[in-house]
C-alpha atoms as a PDB file:
ATOM      1  CA  MET A   1     109.905  87.997  97.758  1.00  0.00           C
ATOM      2  CA  ILE A   2     107.002  90.530  97.543  1.00  0.00           C
ATOM      3  CA  THR A   3     105.511  88.713  94.710  1.00  0.00           C
ATOM      4  CA  THR A   4     105.544  85.416  96.622  1.00  0.00           C
ATOM      5  CA  VAL A   5     103.965  87.137  99.684  1.00  0.00           C
ATOM      6  CA  SER A   6     101.209  88.749  97.416  1.00  0.00           C
ATOM      7  CA  THR A   7     100.512  85.531  95.723  1.00  0.00           C
ATOM      8  CA  ALA A   8     100.307  83.708  98.974  1.00  0.00           C
ATOM      9  CA  PHE A   9      98.213  86.474 100.387  1.00  0.00           C
ATOM     10  CA  GLU A  10      95.726  86.424  97.353  1.00  0.00           C
ATOM     11  CA  ARG A  11      95.525  82.553  97.534  1.00  0.00           C
ATOM     12  CA  GLU A  12      94.628  82.570 101.220  1.00  0.00           C
ATOM     13  CA  LEU A  13      92.141  85.371 100.945  1.00  0.00           C
ATOM     14  CA  LEU A  14      90.460  83.578  98.172  1.00  0.00           C
ATOM     15  CA  LYS A  15      90.295  80.433 100.109  1.00  0.00           C
ATOM     16  CA  PHE A  16      88.856  82.232 103.267  1.00  0.00           C
ATOM     17  CA  ILE A  17      86.196  83.886 101.005  1.00  0.00           C
ATOM     18  CA  SER A  18      85.101  80.672  99.222  1.00  0.00           C
ATOM     19  CA  GLU A  19      84.907  78.857 102.506  1.00  0.00           C
ATOM     20  CA  ARG A  20      82.722  81.707 104.059  1.00  0.00           C
ATOM     21  CA  LYS A  21      80.631  81.720 100.925  1.00  0.00           C
ATOM     22  CA  ALA A  22      80.101  78.006 101.069  1.00  0.00           C
ATOM     23  CA  GLU A  23      79.234  78.319 104.900  1.00  0.00           C
ATOM     24  CA  ILE A  24      76.422  80.789 104.066  1.00  0.00           C
ATOM     25  CA  VAL A  25      75.173  78.706 101.059  1.00  0.00           C
ATOM     26  CA  SER A  26      74.970  75.624 103.332  1.00  0.00           C
ATOM     27  CA  ASN A  27      73.303  77.467 105.990  1.00  0.00           C
ATOM     28  CA  MET A  28      70.702  78.743 103.452  1.00  0.00           C
ATOM     29  CA  ALA A  29      70.169  75.373 101.965  1.00  0.00           C
ATOM     30  CA  GLY A  30      69.713  73.810 105.368  1.00  0.00           C
ATOM     31  CA  GLY A  31      67.433  76.497 106.573  1.00  0.00           C
ATOM     32  CA  LEU A  32      69.919  77.357 109.336  1.00  0.00           C
ATOM     33  CA  ALA A  33      70.111  80.962 110.660  1.00  0.00           C
ATOM     34  CA  ILE A  34      67.674  82.169 108.040  1.00  0.00           C
ATOM     35  CA  LYS A  35      64.457  83.049 109.923  1.00  0.00           C
ATOM     36  CA  THR A  36      63.241  86.144 108.062  1.00  0.00           C
ATOM     37  CA  ILE A  37      63.271  87.551 104.601  1.00  0.00           C
ATOM     38  CA  GLU A  38      65.634  90.261 105.596  1.00  0.00           C
ATOM     39  CA  GLU A  39      68.142  87.507 106.798  1.00  0.00           C
ATOM     40  CA  TYR A  40      67.610  85.789 103.497  1.00  0.00           C
ATOM     41  CA  ARG A  41      68.272  88.841 101.568  1.00  0.00           C
ATOM     42  CA  GLU A  42      71.366  89.661 103.566  1.00  0.00           C
ATOM     43  CA  ALA A  43      72.765  86.182 102.989  1.00  0.00           C
ATOM     44  CA  VAL A  44      72.137  86.498  99.225  1.00  0.00           C
ATOM     45  CA  GLY A  45      73.828  89.877  99.257  1.00  0.00           C
ATOM     46  CA  LYS A  46      76.829  88.558 100.915  1.00  0.00           C
ATOM     47  CA  ILE A  47      77.115  85.751  98.433  1.00  0.00           C
ATOM     48  CA  ALA A  48      76.877  88.165  95.707  1.00  0.00           C
ATOM     49  CA  ALA A  49      79.435  90.416  97.109  1.00  0.00           C
ATOM     50  CA  PHE A  50      81.714  87.368  97.633  1.00  0.00           C
ATOM     51  CA  ASN A  51      81.303  86.506  94.003  1.00  0.00           C
ATOM     52  CA  GLU A  52      82.069  90.015  92.890  1.00  0.00           C
ATOM     53  CA  VAL A  53      85.405  90.158  94.961  1.00  0.00           C
ATOM     54  CA  ILE A  54      86.417  86.835  93.683  1.00  0.00           C
ATOM     55  CA  SER A  55      85.731  88.200  90.028  1.00  0.00           C
ATOM     56  CA  MET A  56      87.675  91.319  90.872  1.00  0.00           C
ATOM     57  CA  CYS A  57      90.603  89.268  92.082  1.00  0.00           C
ATOM     58  CA  ASP A  58      90.784  87.303  89.035  1.00  0.00           C
ATOM     59  CA  GLU A  59      90.597  90.384  86.825  1.00  0.00           C
ATOM     60  CA  VAL A  60      93.403  92.020  88.779  1.00  0.00           C
ATOM     61  CA  SER A  61      95.510  88.807  88.540  1.00  0.00           C
ATOM     62  CA  ALA A  62      94.979  88.642  84.843  1.00  0.00           C
ATOM     63  CA  THR A  63      95.886  92.264  84.423  1.00  0.00           C
ATOM     64  CA  ILE A  64      99.059  91.878  86.399  1.00  0.00           C
ATOM     65  CA  ASN A  65      99.951  88.662  84.457  1.00  0.00           C
ATOM     66  CA  LYS A  66      99.610  90.546  81.123  1.00  0.00           C
ATOM     67  CA  THR A  67     102.025  93.363  82.293  1.00  0.00           C
ATOM     68  CA  MET A  68     104.721  91.062  83.620  1.00  0.00           C
END
């Protein structure tokens, strides 16, 4: 049961992260909500952070799968 809940949580979390990242990318591409260089840098930083979290989730998943 725990594994199923953990897997479902990971899947949903990654889905939310990917959707939020896509929203930021779309806003940047369309010029929405980016009025200053500071806002641009913040958006780019968020995208980088989301990419890092996704990468870390993949690493953790691979590590867990190796040990099972």
